[in-house]
Amino acid sequence: MIGGNMGSVSLLVVSDSDIGSTIQGQVLLSREGWNEMDGVEGGRVWHHSRAPVHLWWRDDLHLFSDHLDETYCNSTDCEISEVLFLSRHVAASGLPSLTLHAIGVLGLEPVGEKAEHGGRNGEAVPPSPRFASLFRRLKRIAHIHGLDDEFDITLETTHHGPTLSTPTLFIEIGSTEEHWGREDAANVWADVLSEELGLDSPSSNAQIEQVVMVGIGGGHYAPRHRSVLLQTNALVGHLLANYSLTMYKPEGIWDPLTDTLPKGPWMHSIDVAIQQTKISFPNHKIVAHLDRKSFKGWQRQSIRRYLESIDIEIFRLADFVNFET
């Protein structure tokens, strides 16, 4: 099974405080195969009859549900391979969207302090190995449903909490109250999850000789990293926007090719993103993909030098294609 050992389960989490979450939970539970079991921590729990998938319906907000995975394991004696939070997405643009992302609070200091939107500064959670597969299914199934003309089908860079140790993704409907409760959007996600997790029929998710991309740079919706996923079979771990990669250019005469690397949290962000991605993909080749145009020349050279020093290869689009052939 992807991301876990035999006997482990995928845990879907619904928050009763989030309409974008509850509509997804309702649509999933309206389909056949769910059996209600004993509750956990005051929340209702369903197990699926055809796949190792549990759904936990809770009152608490997702962002501050630290160590939810440990709580569930301790209460049920189940081993969890991944956590998928069903959620709403909030964006100032107000544009309708279907999106997913890994979680963590990289680039903020002091490291270890509680972050405003859950999690802790400088920390990240391993991403579910399903990230790329779910995104590609989302693109295809949203088109089948005819929703891709209205909804932006996208992914996001790593941001916000909670803190967990299990590979995790957020599965979201956005971006305003007008969209969060849309049943047609929830049906798209239900089809994606049913196909991916094998809720309707057995699902095969073999991952053989596929390279894993850690995206570095760009904006919050990672368009250049998204293009790699749509044009290749690459897998994906953490994606770091420029706001997680703050670096301070040294004053005076300074050569980015040879002199001391710039200070700032950027190296720590890269380290954590790569380390947590390796946890989810222990037997895969991890590479970096840079949104080159989002950096100034001295920044790009600094990142290149640092990645070289930690033995992480930088791939361009053609490198991903060549790796597959």
C-alpha atoms as a PDB file:
ATOM      1  CA  MET A   1       0.000   0.000   0.000  1.00  0.00           C
ATOM      2  CA  ILE A   2       1.214   3.487  -0.842  1.00  0.00           C
ATOM      3  CA  GLY A   3       3.066   5.264   1.961  1.00  0.00           C
ATOM      4  CA  GLY A   4       2.571   2.585   4.572  1.00  0.00           C
ATOM      5  CA  ASN A   5       2.782  -1.055   5.607  1.00  0.00           C
ATOM      6  CA  MET A   6       0.256  -3.808   4.986  1.00  0.00           C
ATOM      7  CA  GLY A   7      -2.650  -3.390   7.387  1.00  0.00           C
ATOM      8  CA  SER A   8      -2.345   0.382   7.647  1.00  0.00           C
ATOM      9  CA  VAL A   9      -5.216   2.683   6.770  1.00  0.00           C
ATOM     10  CA  SER A  10      -5.805   5.994   5.048  1.00  0.00           C
ATOM     11  CA  LEU A  11      -7.564   8.347   7.452  1.00  0.00           C
ATOM     12  CA  LEU A  12      -9.968  10.937   6.047  1.00  0.00           C
ATOM     13  CA  VAL A  13     -10.733  13.713   8.538  1.00  0.00           C
ATOM     14  CA  VAL A  14     -13.852  15.893   8.520  1.00  0.00           C
ATOM     15  CA  SER A  15     -14.310  18.975  10.709  1.00  0.00           C
ATOM     16  CA  ASP A  16     -17.861  19.884  11.710  1.00  0.00           C
ATOM     17  CA  SER A  17     -16.675  23.502  11.925  1.00  0.00           C
ATOM     18  CA  ASP A  18     -15.885  23.671   8.187  1.00  0.00           C
ATOM     19  CA  ILE A  19     -18.629  23.550   5.528  1.00  0.00           C
ATOM     20  CA  GLY A  20     -16.100  22.733   2.817  1.00  0.00           C
ATOM     21  CA  SER A  21     -15.170  19.714   4.911  1.00  0.00           C
ATOM     22  CA  THR A  22     -18.667  18.578   5.870  1.00  0.00           C
ATOM     23  CA  ILE A  23     -20.001  18.664   2.307  1.00  0.00           C
ATOM     24  CA  GLN A  24     -17.156  16.391   1.221  1.00  0.00           C
ATOM     25  CA  GLY A  25     -17.836  14.057   4.134  1.00  0.00           C
ATOM     26  CA  GLN A  26     -21.565  13.945   3.411  1.00  0.00           C
ATOM     27  CA  VAL A  27     -21.076  13.121  -0.263  1.00  0.00           C
ATOM     28  CA  LEU A  28     -18.563  10.373   0.506  1.00  0.00           C
ATOM     29  CA  LEU A  29     -20.769   8.809   3.185  1.00  0.00           C
ATOM     30  CA  SER A  30     -23.780   8.873   0.848  1.00  0.00           C
ATOM     31  CA  ARG A  31     -22.006   6.286  -1.290  1.00  0.00           C
ATOM     32  CA  GLU A  32     -22.067   2.580  -0.530  1.00  0.00           C
ATOM     33  CA  GLY A  33     -19.505   0.706   1.516  1.00  0.00           C
ATOM     34  CA  TRP A  34     -19.272   2.657   4.783  1.00  0.00           C
ATOM     35  CA  ASN A  35     -19.912   1.017   8.162  1.00  0.00           C
ATOM     36  CA  GLU A  36     -20.059   3.087  11.323  1.00  0.00           C
ATOM     37  CA  MET A  37     -17.800   1.870  14.121  1.00  0.00           C
ATOM     38  CA  ASP A  38     -17.030   2.985  17.681  1.00  0.00           C
ATOM     39  CA  GLY A  39     -16.330   6.698  17.939  1.00  0.00           C
ATOM     40  CA  VAL A  40     -12.969   8.266  18.793  1.00  0.00           C
ATOM     41  CA  GLU A  41     -12.552  11.248  21.133  1.00  0.00           C
ATOM     42  CA  GLY A  42     -16.231  12.167  20.777  1.00  0.00           C
ATOM     43  CA  GLY A  43     -16.148  12.011  16.973  1.00  0.00           C
ATOM     44  CA  ARG A  44     -17.968   9.509  14.767  1.00  0.00           C
ATOM     45  CA  VAL A  45     -15.960   6.981  12.764  1.00  0.00           C
ATOM     46  CA  TRP A  46     -16.708   4.963   9.645  1.00  0.00           C
ATOM     47  CA  HIS A  47     -14.665   2.163   8.073  1.00  0.00           C
ATOM     48  CA  HIS A  48     -14.956   1.265   4.396  1.00  0.00           C
ATOM     49  CA  SER A  49     -15.814  -2.321   3.508  1.00  0.00           C
ATOM     50  CA  ARG A  50     -13.792  -2.486   0.274  1.00  0.00           C
ATOM     51  CA  ALA A  51     -10.609  -0.603   1.174  1.00  0.00           C
ATOM     52  CA  PRO A  52      -8.444   0.189   4.228  1.00  0.00           C
ATOM     53  CA  VAL A  53      -9.947   3.659   4.616  1.00  0.00           C
ATOM     54  CA  HIS A  54     -11.412   5.262   7.748  1.00  0.00           C
ATOM     55  CA  LEU A  55     -13.380   8.513   8.008  1.00  0.00           C
ATOM     56  CA  TRP A  56     -13.281  10.439  11.285  1.00  0.00           C
ATOM     57  CA  TRP A  57     -15.870  13.196  11.774  1.00  0.00           C
ATOM     58  CA  ARG A  58     -14.760  15.622  14.488  1.00  0.00           C
ATOM     59  CA  ASP A  59     -15.777  18.991  15.928  1.00  0.00           C
ATOM     60  CA  ASP A  60     -12.297  20.512  16.125  1.00  0.00           C
ATOM     61  CA  LEU A  61     -10.692  22.797  13.551  1.00  0.00           C
ATOM     62  CA  HIS A  62      -8.130  21.091  11.328  1.00  0.00           C
ATOM     63  CA  LEU A  63      -5.394  23.716  11.676  1.00  0.00           C
ATOM     64  CA  PHE A  64      -4.874  23.172  15.387  1.00  0.00           C
ATOM     65  CA  SER A  65      -5.378  19.389  15.547  1.00  0.00           C
ATOM     66  CA  ASP A  66      -1.771  18.653  16.463  1.00  0.00           C
ATOM     67  CA  HIS A  67      -0.862  14.953  16.751  1.00  0.00           C
ATOM     68  CA  LEU A  68      -4.321  13.897  15.601  1.00  0.00           C
ATOM     69  CA  ASP A  69      -2.700  10.837  14.000  1.00  0.00           C
ATOM     70  CA  GLU A  70      -1.269   9.674  17.332  1.00  0.00           C
ATOM     71  CA  THR A  71      -4.608  10.213  19.051  1.00  0.00           C
ATOM     72  CA  TYR A  72      -6.409   8.055  16.501  1.00  0.00           C
ATOM     73  CA  CYS A  73      -3.789   5.294  16.589  1.00  0.00           C
ATOM     74  CA  ASN A  74      -3.808   5.167  20.387  1.00  0.00           C
ATOM     75  CA  SER A  75      -7.605   4.959  20.442  1.00  0.00           C
ATOM     76  CA  THR A  76      -8.017   2.327  17.743  1.00  0.00           C
ATOM     77  CA  ASP A  77      -4.763   0.334  17.578  1.00  0.00           C
ATOM     78  CA  CYS A  78      -4.716   1.101  13.847  1.00  0.00           C
ATOM     79  CA  GLU A  79      -1.596   2.028  11.951  1.00  0.00           C
ATOM     80  CA  ILE A  80      -2.187   5.056   9.725  1.00  0.00           C
ATOM     81  CA  SER A  81      -0.370   5.349   6.407  1.00  0.00           C
ATOM     82  CA  GLU A  82      -1.630   8.860   5.620  1.00  0.00           C
ATOM     83  CA  VAL A  83      -4.013  11.586   6.768  1.00  0.00           C
ATOM     84  CA  LEU A  84      -6.186  13.443   4.263  1.00  0.00           C
ATOM     85  CA  PHE A  85      -7.924  16.492   5.711  1.00  0.00           C
ATOM     86  CA  LEU A  86     -11.125  17.402   3.841  1.00  0.00           C
ATOM     87  CA  SER A  87     -11.294  21.170   4.029  1.00  0.00           C
ATOM     88  CA  ARG A  88     -12.322  24.526   2.647  1.00  0.00           C
ATOM     89  CA  HIS A  89      -9.859  26.830   0.912  1.00  0.00           C
ATOM     90  CA  VAL A  90      -9.810  30.567   1.556  1.00  0.00           C
ATOM     91  CA  ALA A  91      -8.348  32.998  -0.997  1.00  0.00           C
ATOM     92  CA  ALA A  92      -8.520  36.764  -1.264  1.00  0.00           C
ATOM     93  CA  SER A  93      -9.233  36.417  -4.993  1.00  0.00           C
ATOM     94  CA  GLY A  94     -12.553  34.754  -4.238  1.00  0.00           C
ATOM     95  CA  LEU A  95     -12.147  32.579  -7.335  1.00  0.00           C
ATOM     96  CA  PRO A  96     -13.674  29.085  -7.196  1.00  0.00           C
ATOM     97  CA  SER A  97     -11.005  26.406  -6.911  1.00  0.00           C
ATOM     98  CA  LEU A  98     -10.301  22.778  -6.175  1.00  0.00           C
ATOM     99  CA  THR A  99      -6.879  22.427  -4.647  1.00  0.00           C
ATOM    100  CA  LEU A 100      -4.595  20.289  -2.501  1.00  0.00           C
ATOM    101  CA  HIS A 101      -1.316  20.783  -0.669  1.00  0.00           C
ATOM    102  CA  ALA A 102       1.183  19.474   1.858  1.00  0.00           C
ATOM    103  CA  ILE A 103       1.497  21.189   5.229  1.00  0.00           C
ATOM    104  CA  GLY A 104       4.146  22.911   7.303  1.00  0.00           C
ATOM    105  CA  VAL A 105       5.288  26.370   8.318  1.00  0.00           C
ATOM    106  CA  LEU A 106       8.613  26.836   6.572  1.00  0.00           C
ATOM    107  CA  GLY A 107      10.500  30.110   6.396  1.00  0.00           C
ATOM    108  CA  LEU A 108       9.162  31.605   9.620  1.00  0.00           C
ATOM    109  CA  GLU A 109      11.288  32.253  12.683  1.00  0.00           C
ATOM    110  CA  PRO A 110      11.989  31.695  15.532  1.00  0.00           C
ATOM    111  CA  VAL A 111      12.041  28.013  14.628  1.00  0.00           C
ATOM    112  CA  GLY A 112       9.911  25.871  16.942  1.00  0.00           C
ATOM    113  CA  GLU A 113       7.501  28.567  18.094  1.00  0.00           C
ATOM    114  CA  LYS A 114       3.777  28.026  17.571  1.00  0.00           C
ATOM    115  CA  ALA A 115       2.613  29.497  14.284  1.00  0.00           C
ATOM    116  CA  GLU A 116      -0.463  31.668  13.828  1.00  0.00           C
ATOM    117  CA  HIS A 117      -2.240  29.191  11.581  1.00  0.00           C
ATOM    118  CA  GLY A 118      -1.244  25.978  13.314  1.00  0.00           C
ATOM    119  CA  GLY A 119       1.950  23.983  13.342  1.00  0.00           C
ATOM    120  CA  ARG A 120       5.318  25.364  14.392  1.00  0.00           C
ATOM    121  CA  ASN A 121       7.714  27.730  12.689  1.00  0.00           C
ATOM    122  CA  GLY A 122      10.337  25.979  10.602  1.00  0.00           C
ATOM    123  CA  GLU A 123       8.646  22.579  10.758  1.00  0.00           C
ATOM    124  CA  ALA A 124       6.820  20.529   8.127  1.00  0.00           C
ATOM    125  CA  VAL A 125       4.869  17.277   7.921  1.00  0.00           C
ATOM    126  CA  PRO A 126       5.760  14.504   5.456  1.00  0.00           C
ATOM    127  CA  PRO A 127       3.599  14.847   2.319  1.00  0.00           C
ATOM    128  CA  SER A 128       1.332  11.991   1.289  1.00  0.00           C
ATOM    129  CA  PRO A 129       2.929  10.050  -1.584  1.00  0.00           C
ATOM    130  CA  ARG A 130      -0.436  10.404  -3.339  1.00  0.00           C
ATOM    131  CA  PHE A 131       0.076  14.128  -3.964  1.00  0.00           C
ATOM    132  CA  ALA A 132       0.887  13.877  -7.683  1.00  0.00           C
ATOM    133  CA  SER A 133      -1.585  11.078  -8.354  1.00  0.00           C
ATOM    134  CA  LEU A 134      -4.439  12.915  -6.670  1.00  0.00           C
ATOM    135  CA  PHE A 135      -3.680  16.105  -8.585  1.00  0.00           C
ATOM    136  CA  ARG A 136      -3.676  14.337 -11.952  1.00  0.00           C
ATOM    137  CA  ARG A 137      -6.914  12.545 -11.135  1.00  0.00           C
ATOM    138  CA  LEU A 138      -8.416  15.851 -10.024  1.00  0.00           C
ATOM    139  CA  LYS A 139      -7.568  17.486 -13.354  1.00  0.00           C
ATOM    140  CA  ARG A 140      -9.107  14.615 -15.321  1.00  0.00           C
ATOM    141  CA  ILE A 141     -12.235  14.104 -13.222  1.00  0.00           C
ATOM    142  CA  ALA A 142     -13.027  17.818 -12.877  1.00  0.00           C
ATOM    143  CA  HIS A 143     -12.959  17.984 -16.681  1.00  0.00           C
ATOM    144  CA  ILE A 144     -15.307  15.003 -16.942  1.00  0.00           C
ATOM    145  CA  HIS A 145     -17.705  16.758 -14.561  1.00  0.00           C
ATOM    146  CA  GLY A 146     -17.429  19.960 -16.593  1.00  0.00           C
ATOM    147  CA  LEU A 147     -16.256  21.916 -13.563  1.00  0.00           C
ATOM    148  CA  ASP A 148     -12.849  22.942 -14.862  1.00  0.00           C
ATOM    149  CA  ASP A 149     -14.309  25.877 -16.804  1.00  0.00           C
ATOM    150  CA  GLU A 150     -15.562  27.434 -13.564  1.00  0.00           C
ATOM    151  CA  PHE A 151     -13.114  26.119 -10.962  1.00  0.00           C
ATOM    152  CA  ASP A 152      -9.369  26.591 -11.005  1.00  0.00           C
ATOM    153  CA  ILE A 153      -7.864  23.105 -10.674  1.00  0.00           C
ATOM    154  CA  THR A 154      -4.620  23.717  -8.879  1.00  0.00           C
ATOM    155  CA  LEU A 155      -2.196  22.872  -6.115  1.00  0.00           C
ATOM    156  CA  GLU A 156      -0.550  24.994  -3.467  1.00  0.00           C
ATOM    157  CA  THR A 157       2.806  25.312  -1.835  1.00  0.00           C
ATOM    158  CA  THR A 158       3.374  24.049   1.698  1.00  0.00           C
ATOM    159  CA  HIS A 159       1.687  26.173   4.354  1.00  0.00           C
ATOM    160  CA  HIS A 160      -0.078  26.098   7.765  1.00  0.00           C
ATOM    161  CA  GLY A 161      -0.575  23.401  10.419  1.00  0.00           C
ATOM    162  CA  PRO A 162      -1.317  21.163  12.173  1.00  0.00           C
ATOM    163  CA  THR A 163       1.724  19.212  13.357  1.00  0.00           C
ATOM    164  CA  LEU A 164       1.666  15.472  12.628  1.00  0.00           C
ATOM    165  CA  SER A 165       4.198  12.729  11.983  1.00  0.00           C
ATOM    166  CA  THR A 166       2.132  10.855   9.374  1.00  0.00           C
ATOM    167  CA  PRO A 167       2.227  11.788   5.661  1.00  0.00           C
ATOM    168  CA  THR A 168      -0.551  14.311   5.108  1.00  0.00           C
ATOM    169  CA  LEU A 169      -2.402  16.397   2.530  1.00  0.00           C
ATOM    170  CA  PHE A 170      -5.218  18.929   2.618  1.00  0.00           C
ATOM    171  CA  ILE A 171      -8.036  18.318   0.081  1.00  0.00           C
ATOM    172  CA  GLU A 172      -9.906  21.588  -0.469  1.00  0.00           C
ATOM    173  CA  ILE A 173     -12.855  23.398  -2.029  1.00  0.00           C
ATOM    174  CA  GLY A 174     -12.435  27.155  -2.404  1.00  0.00           C
ATOM    175  CA  SER A 175     -12.495  29.990  -2.190  1.00  0.00           C
ATOM    176  CA  THR A 176     -15.485  31.679  -0.476  1.00  0.00           C
ATOM    177  CA  GLU A 177     -18.668  30.744   1.341  1.00  0.00           C
ATOM    178  CA  GLU A 178     -20.400  30.785  -2.039  1.00  0.00           C
ATOM    179  CA  HIS A 179     -18.296  27.799  -3.142  1.00  0.00           C
ATOM    180  CA  TRP A 180     -17.485  25.840   0.033  1.00  0.00           C
ATOM    181  CA  GLY A 181     -20.827  24.037   0.217  1.00  0.00           C
ATOM    182  CA  ARG A 182     -21.036  23.168  -3.476  1.00  0.00           C
ATOM    183  CA  GLU A 183     -22.184  19.552  -3.805  1.00  0.00           C
ATOM    184  CA  ASP A 184     -20.966  19.341  -7.408  1.00  0.00           C
ATOM    185  CA  ALA A 185     -17.450  20.251  -6.256  1.00  0.00           C
ATOM    186  CA  ALA A 186     -17.662  17.703  -3.439  1.00  0.00           C
ATOM    187  CA  ASN A 187     -18.709  15.042  -5.947  1.00  0.00           C
ATOM    188  CA  VAL A 188     -15.564  15.709  -7.977  1.00  0.00           C
ATOM    189  CA  TRP A 189     -13.418  15.148  -4.899  1.00  0.00           C
ATOM    190  CA  ALA A 190     -15.461  12.066  -3.927  1.00  0.00           C
ATOM    191  CA  ASP A 191     -14.813  10.546  -7.364  1.00  0.00           C
ATOM    192  CA  VAL A 192     -11.102  11.383  -7.094  1.00  0.00           C
ATOM    193  CA  LEU A 193     -10.766   9.832  -3.638  1.00  0.00           C
ATOM    194  CA  SER A 194     -12.901   6.803  -4.503  1.00  0.00           C
ATOM    195  CA  GLU A 195     -10.732   6.035  -7.515  1.00  0.00           C
ATOM    196  CA  GLU A 196      -7.436   6.760  -5.759  1.00  0.00           C
ATOM    197  CA  LEU A 197      -8.237   4.848  -2.577  1.00  0.00           C
ATOM    198  CA  GLY A 198     -10.069   1.940  -4.216  1.00  0.00           C
ATOM    199  CA  LEU A 199     -13.470   2.600  -2.644  1.00  0.00           C
ATOM    200  CA  ASP A 200     -15.327   1.384  -5.757  1.00  0.00           C
ATOM    201  CA  SER A 201     -12.831  -1.193  -7.033  1.00  0.00           C
ATOM    202  CA  PRO A 202      -9.251  -2.230  -6.247  1.00  0.00           C
ATOM    203  CA  SER A 203      -6.754   0.535  -7.018  1.00  0.00           C
ATOM    204  CA  SER A 204      -3.183   0.073  -8.156  1.00  0.00           C
ATOM    205  CA  ASN A 205      -0.717   2.848  -7.292  1.00  0.00           C
ATOM    206  CA  ALA A 206       2.625   1.255  -8.023  1.00  0.00           C
ATOM    207  CA  GLN A 207       5.492   3.739  -7.927  1.00  0.00           C
ATOM    208  CA  ILE A 208       8.478   2.252  -9.716  1.00  0.00           C
ATOM    209  CA  GLU A 209      11.483   4.247 -10.902  1.00  0.00           C
ATOM    210  CA  GLN A 210       9.699   7.567 -10.629  1.00  0.00           C
ATOM    211  CA  VAL A 211      11.640  10.647  -9.625  1.00  0.00           C
ATOM    212  CA  VAL A 212      10.264  12.860  -6.825  1.00  0.00           C
ATOM    213  CA  MET A 213      10.241  16.625  -7.239  1.00  0.00           C
ATOM    214  CA  VAL A 214      10.740  19.105  -4.425  1.00  0.00           C
ATOM    215  CA  GLY A 215       9.611  22.417  -5.888  1.00  0.00           C
ATOM    216  CA  ILE A 216      11.642  25.501  -4.991  1.00  0.00           C
ATOM    217  CA  GLY A 217      10.444  29.014  -5.692  1.00  0.00           C
ATOM    218  CA  GLY A 218       7.522  30.730  -7.352  1.00  0.00           C
ATOM    219  CA  GLY A 219       4.172  31.888  -6.070  1.00  0.00           C
ATOM    220  CA  HIS A 220       1.656  30.231  -3.794  1.00  0.00           C
ATOM    221  CA  TYR A 221      -0.028  28.208  -6.557  1.00  0.00           C
ATOM    222  CA  ALA A 222       3.264  26.915  -8.001  1.00  0.00           C
ATOM    223  CA  PRO A 223       2.419  27.164 -11.726  1.00  0.00           C
ATOM    224  CA  ARG A 224       5.830  26.032 -13.005  1.00  0.00           C
ATOM    225  CA  HIS A 225       5.968  23.035 -10.669  1.00  0.00           C
ATOM    226  CA  ARG A 226       2.378  22.210 -11.613  1.00  0.00           C
ATOM    227  CA  SER A 227       3.431  22.165 -15.277  1.00  0.00           C
ATOM    228  CA  VAL A 228       5.992  19.449 -14.523  1.00  0.00           C
ATOM    229  CA  LEU A 229       3.285  17.260 -12.991  1.00  0.00           C
ATOM    230  CA  LEU A 230       0.986  17.758 -15.960  1.00  0.00           C
ATOM    231  CA  GLN A 231       3.659  16.999 -18.561  1.00  0.00           C
ATOM    232  CA  THR A 232       5.493  14.104 -16.874  1.00  0.00           C
ATOM    233  CA  ASN A 233       4.951  11.186 -14.510  1.00  0.00           C
ATOM    234  CA  ALA A 234       7.034  12.752 -11.739  1.00  0.00           C
ATOM    235  CA  LEU A 235       5.951  12.391  -8.141  1.00  0.00           C
ATOM    236  CA  VAL A 236       5.956  15.395  -5.830  1.00  0.00           C
ATOM    237  CA  GLY A 237       6.807  16.183  -2.230  1.00  0.00           C
ATOM    238  CA  HIS A 238       6.990  19.608  -0.631  1.00  0.00           C
ATOM    239  CA  LEU A 239       6.659  22.776  -2.709  1.00  0.00           C
ATOM    240  CA  LEU A 240       8.297  25.940  -1.387  1.00  0.00           C
ATOM    241  CA  ALA A 241       7.076  29.372  -2.436  1.00  0.00           C
ATOM    242  CA  ASN A 242       9.460  32.325  -2.423  1.00  0.00           C
ATOM    243  CA  TYR A 243       7.956  33.522   0.861  1.00  0.00           C
ATOM    244  CA  SER A 244       9.461  30.426   2.534  1.00  0.00           C
ATOM    245  CA  LEU A 245      12.919  31.121   1.099  1.00  0.00           C
ATOM    246  CA  THR A 246      13.946  34.483   2.505  1.00  0.00           C
ATOM    247  CA  MET A 247      17.655  35.223   2.023  1.00  0.00           C
ATOM    248  CA  TYR A 248      19.647  38.378   2.757  1.00  0.00           C
ATOM    249  CA  LYS A 249      22.199  39.525   0.211  1.00  0.00           C
ATOM    250  CA  PRO A 250      25.562  40.296   1.835  1.00  0.00           C
ATOM    251  CA  GLU A 251      26.628  43.937   1.707  1.00  0.00           C
ATOM    252  CA  GLY A 252      29.597  45.173  -0.231  1.00  0.00           C
ATOM    253  CA  ILE A 253      31.511  43.234  -2.849  1.00  0.00           C
ATOM    254  CA  TRP A 254      30.223  39.686  -2.812  1.00  0.00           C
ATOM    255  CA  ASP A 255      30.439  36.903  -5.391  1.00  0.00           C
ATOM    256  CA  PRO A 256      27.421  34.516  -5.336  1.00  0.00           C
ATOM    257  CA  LEU A 257      29.499  31.851  -7.086  1.00  0.00           C
ATOM    258  CA  THR A 258      32.287  31.608  -4.519  1.00  0.00           C
ATOM    259  CA  ASP A 259      31.682  33.687  -1.387  1.00  0.00           C
ATOM    260  CA  THR A 260      29.779  32.764   1.778  1.00  0.00           C
ATOM    261  CA  LEU A 261      26.148  31.848   1.155  1.00  0.00           C
ATOM    262  CA  PRO A 262      23.519  34.426   2.163  1.00  0.00           C
ATOM    263  CA  LYS A 263      21.950  34.252   5.597  1.00  0.00           C
ATOM    264  CA  GLY A 264      18.258  33.758   6.205  1.00  0.00           C
ATOM    265  CA  PRO A 265      15.860  30.829   6.769  1.00  0.00           C
ATOM    266  CA  TRP A 266      16.026  29.618   3.160  1.00  0.00           C
ATOM    267  CA  MET A 267      18.562  26.822   3.714  1.00  0.00           C
ATOM    268  CA  HIS A 268      16.609  25.503   6.683  1.00  0.00           C
ATOM    269  CA  SER A 269      13.412  25.507   4.600  1.00  0.00           C
ATOM    270  CA  ILE A 270      15.094  23.511   1.850  1.00  0.00           C
ATOM    271  CA  ASP A 271      16.596  21.054   4.347  1.00  0.00           C
ATOM    272  CA  VAL A 272      13.280  20.365   6.066  1.00  0.00           C
ATOM    273  CA  ALA A 273      11.355  20.094   2.795  1.00  0.00           C
ATOM    274  CA  ILE A 274      13.816  17.525   1.464  1.00  0.00           C
ATOM    275  CA  GLN A 275      14.064  15.575   4.732  1.00  0.00           C
ATOM    276  CA  GLN A 276      10.291  15.295   5.104  1.00  0.00           C
ATOM    277  CA  THR A 277       9.868  14.340   1.460  1.00  0.00           C
ATOM    278  CA  LYS A 278      12.450  11.564   1.884  1.00  0.00           C
ATOM    279  CA  ILE A 279      10.371  10.134   4.740  1.00  0.00           C
ATOM    280  CA  SER A 280       7.444   9.707   2.351  1.00  0.00           C
ATOM    281  CA  PHE A 281       9.597   8.413  -0.529  1.00  0.00           C
ATOM    282  CA  PRO A 282      12.438   6.411   1.083  1.00  0.00           C
ATOM    283  CA  ASN A 283      13.326   4.444  -2.060  1.00  0.00           C
ATOM    284  CA  HIS A 284      13.046   7.162  -4.693  1.00  0.00           C
ATOM    285  CA  LYS A 285      15.403   9.676  -6.259  1.00  0.00           C
ATOM    286  CA  ILE A 286      14.650  13.127  -4.788  1.00  0.00           C
ATOM    287  CA  VAL A 287      15.449  16.103  -7.031  1.00  0.00           C
ATOM    288  CA  ALA A 288      14.821  19.835  -6.961  1.00  0.00           C
ATOM    289  CA  HIS A 289      12.913  21.807  -9.543  1.00  0.00           C
ATOM    290  CA  LEU A 290      13.535  25.567  -9.493  1.00  0.00           C
ATOM    291  CA  ASP A 291      11.161  28.257 -10.662  1.00  0.00           C
ATOM    292  CA  ARG A 292      14.158  30.075 -12.068  1.00  0.00           C
ATOM    293  CA  LYS A 293      12.340  33.190 -13.202  1.00  0.00           C
ATOM    294  CA  SER A 294      11.093  33.862  -9.673  1.00  0.00           C
ATOM    295  CA  PHE A 295      14.646  34.458  -8.390  1.00  0.00           C
ATOM    296  CA  LYS A 296      17.267  37.095  -8.989  1.00  0.00           C
ATOM    297  CA  GLY A 297      20.519  35.769 -10.395  1.00  0.00           C
ATOM    298  CA  TRP A 298      22.387  35.863  -7.073  1.00  0.00           C
ATOM    299  CA  GLN A 299      19.542  34.001  -5.345  1.00  0.00           C
ATOM    300  CA  ARG A 300      19.414  31.324  -8.014  1.00  0.00           C
ATOM    301  CA  GLN A 301      23.177  30.796  -7.845  1.00  0.00           C
ATOM    302  CA  SER A 302      23.074  30.563  -4.053  1.00  0.00           C
ATOM    303  CA  ILE A 303      20.344  27.922  -4.159  1.00  0.00           C
ATOM    304  CA  ARG A 304      22.188  25.988  -6.849  1.00  0.00           C
ATOM    305  CA  ARG A 305      25.380  25.964  -4.763  1.00  0.00           C
ATOM    306  CA  TYR A 306      23.557  24.853  -1.636  1.00  0.00           C
ATOM    307  CA  LEU A 307      21.688  22.024  -3.371  1.00  0.00           C
ATOM    308  CA  GLU A 308      24.978  20.862  -4.871  1.00  0.00           C
ATOM    309  CA  SER A 309      26.549  20.830  -1.401  1.00  0.00           C
ATOM    310  CA  ILE A 310      23.829  18.498  -0.082  1.00  0.00           C
ATOM    311  CA  ASP A 311      23.884  16.257  -3.202  1.00  0.00           C
ATOM    312  CA  ILE A 312      20.456  17.197  -4.527  1.00  0.00           C
ATOM    313  CA  GLU A 313      20.317  17.338  -8.311  1.00  0.00           C
ATOM    314  CA  ILE A 314      18.396  20.124 -10.060  1.00  0.00           C
ATOM    315  CA  PHE A 315      16.049  18.941 -12.819  1.00  0.00           C
ATOM    316  CA  ARG A 316      14.547  20.895 -15.670  1.00  0.00           C
ATOM    317  CA  LEU A 317      11.420  19.684 -17.484  1.00  0.00           C
ATOM    318  CA  ALA A 318      13.484  17.786 -20.055  1.00  0.00           C
ATOM    319  CA  ASP A 319      15.328  15.944 -17.276  1.00  0.00           C
ATOM    320  CA  PHE A 320      12.060  14.584 -15.877  1.00  0.00           C
ATOM    321  CA  VAL A 321      11.052  13.409 -19.349  1.00  0.00           C
ATOM    322  CA  ASN A 322      14.428  11.794 -19.977  1.00  0.00           C
ATOM    323  CA  PHE A 323      14.378  10.061 -16.578  1.00  0.00           C
ATOM    324  CA  GLU A 324      11.150   8.301 -17.560  1.00  0.00           C
ATOM    325  CA  THR A 325      12.568   7.029 -20.832  1.00  0.00           C
END
